[in-house]
Every structure is written in C-alpha cells, then in structure tokens.
Amino acid sequence: MAAKPSYRLFDITLARRTQVSASLVRFTFTGPEVSHMATYAPDQRVKLFFPEGGGSLDPLFEIAKLEEHDWYGAYRALPDAQRPSARTYTIRALRPEKAEVDVEFVLHGDNGPASRWAMHARPGDRLAMTAPDANSEGPKLGYEWKPPQGVRRILIIADETALPAAAGILETLDDLPLKPRVEALFEVPRSDDVQPLPQAAKLHWLARDAEPGCQHGELLMRAVRDIDLHKEIQALGGVPTAATSNDESDDEDGPLWEPATLDDRAPFYAWIAAETKVAMKLRRYLVNECGLPKQYVTSMGYWRQGKANG
C-alpha cells in the first residue's frame, strides 16, 4: 500500500473575516477535517482553490476521493471547464482543537480569482485547500523558515504578500535556543497597514503611499542599503567585499526560489520573500555587495509583477 501523501485536500468553509489592516484581511475557515491539518513552520505553504463563475468544487472533491494519493494528478485530470483556479498562500494560524485555520489575503482589486473571491466572500462560502496531513508519515514539506540553531543575526525582508508569514516568524523568535539580533523590513501599500507585532525584532515599516510614485520594492532596497551590513557580515564570518565564489547572476529570469543551505553553526540567516525580481535584487545585493555567503540566504519570489497572481 502506498504511503499517505504529506499533503491532502481539505473541504473548508469560511467562518468569519477580520480586517487586519487597510490592505490585509484574515479569513478563518473551518471544516470537519481541519482538526487533522498540520503546520510545521510560520511560512507553511498551502494551496486554495477558487470556483470560477459560480462553478462548483464538487468535481474536484469527487475525483480527489478516487485519487487520494495524488491530489495534483486529480486536479490536472479535471476538464478545463471544471478545474478551479489555484493560488498559494500561507497558514497564518491553525487551531486543530477548534477545527479552524486562518489565511490572510492582500486586497488588490477585482483582478484575479483569489482577490475577486476575497472582495465578495461571506461566511458560509466554500473553498478547497491542500495542506499538510497530520496523520501522514511522509516528509514535512512546504516551508523555508529554518533558522540555524546557533544563529546570531537574522534579517527578515518582506513585501505585503509575505507579511503573514513574516508576522508568524516574529511570533516564534522566542523559541530559538539563542537570542539573535533580529531586524525586519516590511514594505506595505499604505501607512495604515502597519500592524502591532511582537517586538522581538527591530521593525522597519515602509509604506509606499508615503512616497507617491515609488516602484514596488524600491523602499525595501533602499532600507537594506541603509543598514551597514558589510562590517557586520565580515565579523560574522562573511567577506569584506564581493567574492567571485559568491557571485550571483544578474539574469532576471533566474530561479524564483533559492532556499538557504546551511548548518546549525551558521551565524547569519536572511529570509527574503517578495515580488520575484525584487527578491532577486535583494539577494544579489546581500551576496555580491555585502559579501554574505549565498548559503545563508533564503530568497523566494512570492509573485511576479505583470502577471495575474491574485
């Protein structure tokens, strides 16, 4: 018998919505099987499936029952007219004892299946979610927040799409065996998107509406350059100037996802999640200009400018 997959399809219903800030809303979902859902890190990825044009999710659930060991194969097997749109999100909080799971959405207009659903969602609306199965004996997958046990310095950089994951990360910092110095930079659309978050880190809130005309990611890049990382990285075992061995390509079509590859002795850890080209530029700056060994950096493109992401 094949092993149970790490992820499975959950039938979920919207229980309530909470406005977190001007641009961010939290949706709390429930369902009879949510008590069997698991999350392994604050940036745990899940997929949500949105019915198009008043369509039904029943075909997806029916075929998934027949192909329970391959939900993606079941999804792809559906005819185009019956295949719901899928988008990747982060579990903001999971309360299995209450069969509740929270997911936060950025509201950015009626320009995609997810943002369209979020604008009009009401309690009782049904979605499908693939998430880790607590009963699975498979590998724990779907997250990148893996700070070294001996880390002394952490840099977190996120735009609004990664803010739910980054906020969850801040809530777990007290669990680290040492107490590293943590700095977090958050770029958001509006000044009233600033949230009260745990003060375990030095926080920089960067609101684009404070500087009309600035491009997405411009404030993040500027703020990172304002931190004197060169001497800091050198003292923690990096190099004082750009090193050929660390060289990052300027190819704008490079990898969307570059997880760190480090051991628990690594003193510095950078976690970057933003628009793809922004994340790549930030990674290149840390590696090429600041001398941070590239294996100390996790860089993720959560979305791509110019493409329908929501």
Foldseek 3Di string as FASTA:
>chain_A
DDFQDQKFKFKKFFADKADQWPFKIKTKIADPCLLQFDDDALFFKKKKFFQPPPADCVQLVVQCVVVVRCSPVSLVPDPPNNRTDMAMFGFLDGDSVVRMTMTMDGQDDDQFRVNVCVVDPDGGDIIMMMGGGNPGPDDDDGDQPDAFLQAAEEEEEEEPRCVSSVLRVQVCQVVRPDLHAYEYEYEYAAPRSDGDGDVSYHYHYHHQVVPPPDDVLPVVVVVVVVDPLQVVQVVQPFDNAADPVLADDPPQPDDQWDHADDHNNRHYAYEEEYARSSQSVVLRCCRHGRRHRSNRYTTHHSHHPPDRRD
